[in-house]
C-alpha cells in the first residue's frame, strides 16, 4: 500500500461522514426565512413564446406589461421560474424587505377625479 493510498483511506471516512452530517442537517432543519427578494422585470415581448413559458411568466406575476417590476422572495421555486424565462426578464437582487417602490400604484390614473356627491 503506497503512502498516497494510506492517506486517502485515512481521510475518506471523515470526508463522507462530514458530508453525510451536512446533508442530514440541512434536510432536517426548517428552511430559514427569505433574507431578500428578486426584483424581476420583463424586458421582451411574448410573441412567438411557447405557452408553457407564458404560464411561467404569469405565475411570476409578469403577464401584463413590459417594464413593470415584480418582487419575488429568495426561494428555490422562484429561482427555478426565473431560470426558465431568463431570456425575457431582467433580475436584480434586493437584500432585506421589499422597498417602497414595490408597493406603489401600478395602474394609470383614471383621467378624472370625484370631488363629491350630488
C-alpha atoms as a PDB file:
ATOM      1  CA  UNK A   1       0.000   0.000   0.000  1.00  0.00           C
ATOM      2  CA  UNK A   2       1.514   3.311  -1.055  1.00  0.00           C
ATOM      3  CA  UNK A   3       1.682   6.396   1.127  1.00  0.00           C
ATOM      4  CA  UNK A   4      -0.882   8.230  -1.019  1.00  0.00           C
ATOM      5  CA  UNK A   5      -3.457   5.443  -0.790  1.00  0.00           C
ATOM      6  CA  UNK A   6      -2.957   5.254   3.001  1.00  0.00           C
ATOM      7  CA  UNK A   7      -3.639   8.993   3.276  1.00  0.00           C
ATOM      8  CA  UNK A   8      -6.724   8.720   1.073  1.00  0.00           C
ATOM      9  CA  UNK A   9      -8.138   5.822   3.081  1.00  0.00           C
ATOM     10  CA  UNK A  10      -7.414   7.700   6.298  1.00  0.00           C
ATOM     11  CA  UNK A  11      -9.175  10.853   5.075  1.00  0.00           C
ATOM     12  CA  UNK A  12     -12.074   9.241   3.182  1.00  0.00           C
ATOM     13  CA  UNK A  13     -14.155   8.169   6.239  1.00  0.00           C
ATOM     14  CA  UNK A  14     -14.005  11.684   7.692  1.00  0.00           C
ATOM     15  CA  UNK A  15     -14.994  13.267   4.366  1.00  0.00           C
ATOM     16  CA  UNK A  16     -18.001  11.030   3.857  1.00  0.00           C
ATOM     17  CA  UNK A  17     -19.089  11.405   7.486  1.00  0.00           C
ATOM     18  CA  UNK A  18     -18.936  15.202   7.339  1.00  0.00           C
ATOM     19  CA  UNK A  19     -20.764  15.245   4.018  1.00  0.00           C
ATOM     20  CA  UNK A  20     -23.486  12.987   5.379  1.00  0.00           C
ATOM     21  CA  UNK A  21     -23.796  15.067   8.538  1.00  0.00           C
ATOM     22  CA  UNK A  22     -24.137  18.246   6.480  1.00  0.00           C
ATOM     23  CA  UNK A  23     -26.766  16.811   4.144  1.00  0.00           C
ATOM     24  CA  UNK A  24     -28.894  15.456   7.003  1.00  0.00           C
ATOM     25  CA  UNK A  25     -28.569  18.677   8.975  1.00  0.00           C
ATOM     26  CA  UNK A  26     -29.792  20.725   6.035  1.00  0.00           C
ATOM     27  CA  UNK A  27     -32.702  18.417   5.268  1.00  0.00           C
ATOM     28  CA  UNK A  28     -33.852  18.019   8.885  1.00  0.00           C
ATOM     29  CA  UNK A  29     -33.908  21.727   9.735  1.00  0.00           C
ATOM     30  CA  UNK A  30     -36.635  24.043   8.594  1.00  0.00           C
ATOM     31  CA  UNK A  31     -35.682  26.414   5.803  1.00  0.00           C
ATOM     32  CA  UNK A  32     -34.689  29.870   7.058  1.00  0.00           C
ATOM     33  CA  UNK A  33     -36.892  32.847   6.262  1.00  0.00           C
ATOM     34  CA  UNK A  34     -36.255  34.625   2.998  1.00  0.00           C
ATOM     35  CA  UNK A  35     -33.455  37.118   3.548  1.00  0.00           C
ATOM     36  CA  UNK A  36     -34.216  39.182   0.473  1.00  0.00           C
ATOM     37  CA  UNK A  37     -36.098  39.438  -2.774  1.00  0.00           C
ATOM     38  CA  UNK A  38     -35.565  39.248  -6.503  1.00  0.00           C
ATOM     39  CA  UNK A  39     -36.720  42.296  -8.454  1.00  0.00           C
ATOM     40  CA  UNK A  40     -37.883  40.757 -11.737  1.00  0.00           C
ATOM     41  CA  UNK A  41     -38.742  42.989 -14.698  1.00  0.00           C
ATOM     42  CA  UNK A  42     -39.992  41.712 -18.046  1.00  0.00           C
ATOM     43  CA  UNK A  43     -37.974  43.150 -20.927  1.00  0.00           C
ATOM     44  CA  UNK A  44     -39.145  41.209 -24.006  1.00  0.00           C
ATOM     45  CA  UNK A  45     -42.397  40.566 -25.848  1.00  0.00           C
ATOM     46  CA  UNK A  46     -44.291  37.282 -25.605  1.00  0.00           C
ATOM     47  CA  UNK A  47     -44.848  36.984 -29.352  1.00  0.00           C
ATOM     48  CA  UNK A  48     -43.700  33.564 -30.517  1.00  0.00           C
ATOM     49  CA  UNK A  49     -43.008  32.293 -26.993  1.00  0.00           C
ATOM     50  CA  UNK A  50     -44.287  28.786 -26.082  1.00  0.00           C
ATOM     51  CA  UNK A  51     -47.411  28.590 -23.912  1.00  0.00           C
ATOM     52  CA  UNK A  52     -45.532  26.875 -21.091  1.00  0.00           C
ATOM     53  CA  UNK A  53     -43.172  29.859 -20.871  1.00  0.00           C
ATOM     54  CA  UNK A  54     -46.120  32.278 -20.840  1.00  0.00           C
ATOM     55  CA  UNK A  55     -47.625  30.319 -17.935  1.00  0.00           C
ATOM     56  CA  UNK A  56     -44.357  30.615 -16.012  1.00  0.00           C
ATOM     57  CA  UNK A  57     -44.282  34.382 -16.601  1.00  0.00           C
ATOM     58  CA  UNK A  58     -47.874  34.707 -15.389  1.00  0.00           C
ATOM     59  CA  UNK A  59     -47.081  32.652 -12.289  1.00  0.00           C
ATOM     60  CA  UNK A  60     -44.264  35.120 -11.547  1.00  0.00           C
ATOM     61  CA  UNK A  61     -46.761  37.982 -11.957  1.00  0.00           C
ATOM     62  CA  UNK A  62     -45.298  39.275 -15.233  1.00  0.00           C
ATOM     63  CA  UNK A  63     -48.177  38.591 -17.601  1.00  0.00           C
ATOM     64  CA  UNK A  64     -49.330  42.148 -18.238  1.00  0.00           C
ATOM     65  CA  UNK A  65     -46.791  44.834 -19.041  1.00  0.00           C
ATOM     66  CA  UNK A  66     -43.185  45.121 -20.103  1.00  0.00           C
ATOM     67  CA  UNK A  67     -41.088  47.121 -17.644  1.00  0.00           C
ATOM     68  CA  UNK A  68     -43.285  46.598 -14.579  1.00  0.00           C
ATOM     69  CA  UNK A  69     -41.209  45.147 -11.705  1.00  0.00           C
ATOM     70  CA  UNK A  70     -42.390  42.281  -9.516  1.00  0.00           C
ATOM     71  CA  UNK A  71     -40.748  41.214  -6.258  1.00  0.00           C
ATOM     72  CA  UNK A  72     -40.270  37.506  -5.553  1.00  0.00           C
ATOM     73  CA  UNK A  73     -38.774  36.109  -2.318  1.00  0.00           C
ATOM     74  CA  UNK A  74     -35.468  34.247  -2.342  1.00  0.00           C
ATOM     75  CA  UNK A  75     -36.856  30.736  -2.715  1.00  0.00           C
ATOM     76  CA  UNK A  76     -35.965  27.765  -4.847  1.00  0.00           C
ATOM     77  CA  UNK A  77     -39.313  27.829  -6.668  1.00  0.00           C
ATOM     78  CA  UNK A  78     -38.915  31.489  -7.670  1.00  0.00           C
ATOM     79  CA  UNK A  79     -35.317  30.899  -8.765  1.00  0.00           C
ATOM     80  CA  UNK A  80     -36.372  27.955 -10.943  1.00  0.00           C
ATOM     81  CA  UNK A  81     -39.109  30.019 -12.611  1.00  0.00           C
ATOM     82  CA  UNK A  82     -36.674  32.855 -13.253  1.00  0.00           C
ATOM     83  CA  UNK A  83     -34.186  30.442 -14.837  1.00  0.00           C
ATOM     84  CA  UNK A  84     -36.926  29.155 -17.148  1.00  0.00           C
ATOM     85  CA  UNK A  85     -37.587  32.675 -18.517  1.00  0.00           C
ATOM     86  CA  UNK A  86     -34.124  34.225 -18.099  1.00  0.00           C
ATOM     87  CA  UNK A  87     -34.018  35.459 -21.712  1.00  0.00           C
ATOM     88  CA  UNK A  88     -37.198  37.507 -21.247  1.00  0.00           C
ATOM     89  CA  UNK A  89     -36.544  39.170 -17.885  1.00  0.00           C
ATOM     90  CA  UNK A  90     -34.045  41.325 -16.005  1.00  0.00           C
ATOM     91  CA  UNK A  91     -33.331  40.282 -12.404  1.00  0.00           C
ATOM     92  CA  UNK A  92     -31.841  42.312  -9.557  1.00  0.00           C
ATOM     93  CA  UNK A  93     -31.049  41.091  -6.059  1.00  0.00           C
ATOM     94  CA  UNK A  94     -32.691  43.167  -3.294  1.00  0.00           C
ATOM     95  CA  UNK A  95     -31.387  42.324   0.203  1.00  0.00           C
ATOM     96  CA  UNK A  96     -33.846  42.783   3.050  1.00  0.00           C
ATOM     97  CA  UNK A  97     -37.525  43.736   2.791  1.00  0.00           C
ATOM     98  CA  UNK A  98     -39.318  44.971  -0.326  1.00  0.00           C
ATOM     99  CA  UNK A  99     -38.541  48.676  -0.940  1.00  0.00           C
ATOM    100  CA  UNK A 100     -41.332  51.284  -1.064  1.00  0.00           C
ATOM    101  CA  UNK A 101     -41.309  51.293  -4.876  1.00  0.00           C
ATOM    102  CA  UNK A 102     -42.675  47.743  -4.809  1.00  0.00           C
ATOM    103  CA  UNK A 103     -45.888  48.939  -3.206  1.00  0.00           C
ATOM    104  CA  UNK A 104     -46.566  51.884  -5.497  1.00  0.00           C
ATOM    105  CA  UNK A 105     -49.688  52.016  -7.619  1.00  0.00           C
ATOM    106  CA  UNK A 106     -49.042  50.355 -10.971  1.00  0.00           C
ATOM    107  CA  UNK A 107     -52.193  51.433 -12.807  1.00  0.00           C
ATOM    108  CA  UNK A 108     -52.567  54.692 -14.680  1.00  0.00           C
ATOM    109  CA  UNK A 109     -54.844  57.379 -13.269  1.00  0.00           C
ATOM    110  CA  UNK A 110     -58.461  57.309 -14.452  1.00  0.00           C
ATOM    111  CA  UNK A 111     -58.308  60.762 -16.027  1.00  0.00           C
ATOM    112  CA  UNK A 112     -60.950  62.208 -13.744  1.00  0.00           C
ATOM    113  CA  UNK A 113     -61.367  62.861 -10.043  1.00  0.00           C
ATOM    114  CA  UNK A 114     -64.532  62.508  -7.960  1.00  0.00           C
ATOM    115  CA  UNK A 115     -64.931  65.729  -5.991  1.00  0.00           C
ATOM    116  CA  UNK A 116     -68.102  64.980  -4.049  1.00  0.00           C
ATOM    117  CA  UNK A 117     -71.590  63.530  -4.199  1.00  0.00           C
ATOM    118  CA  UNK A 118     -74.588  65.421  -5.614  1.00  0.00           C
END
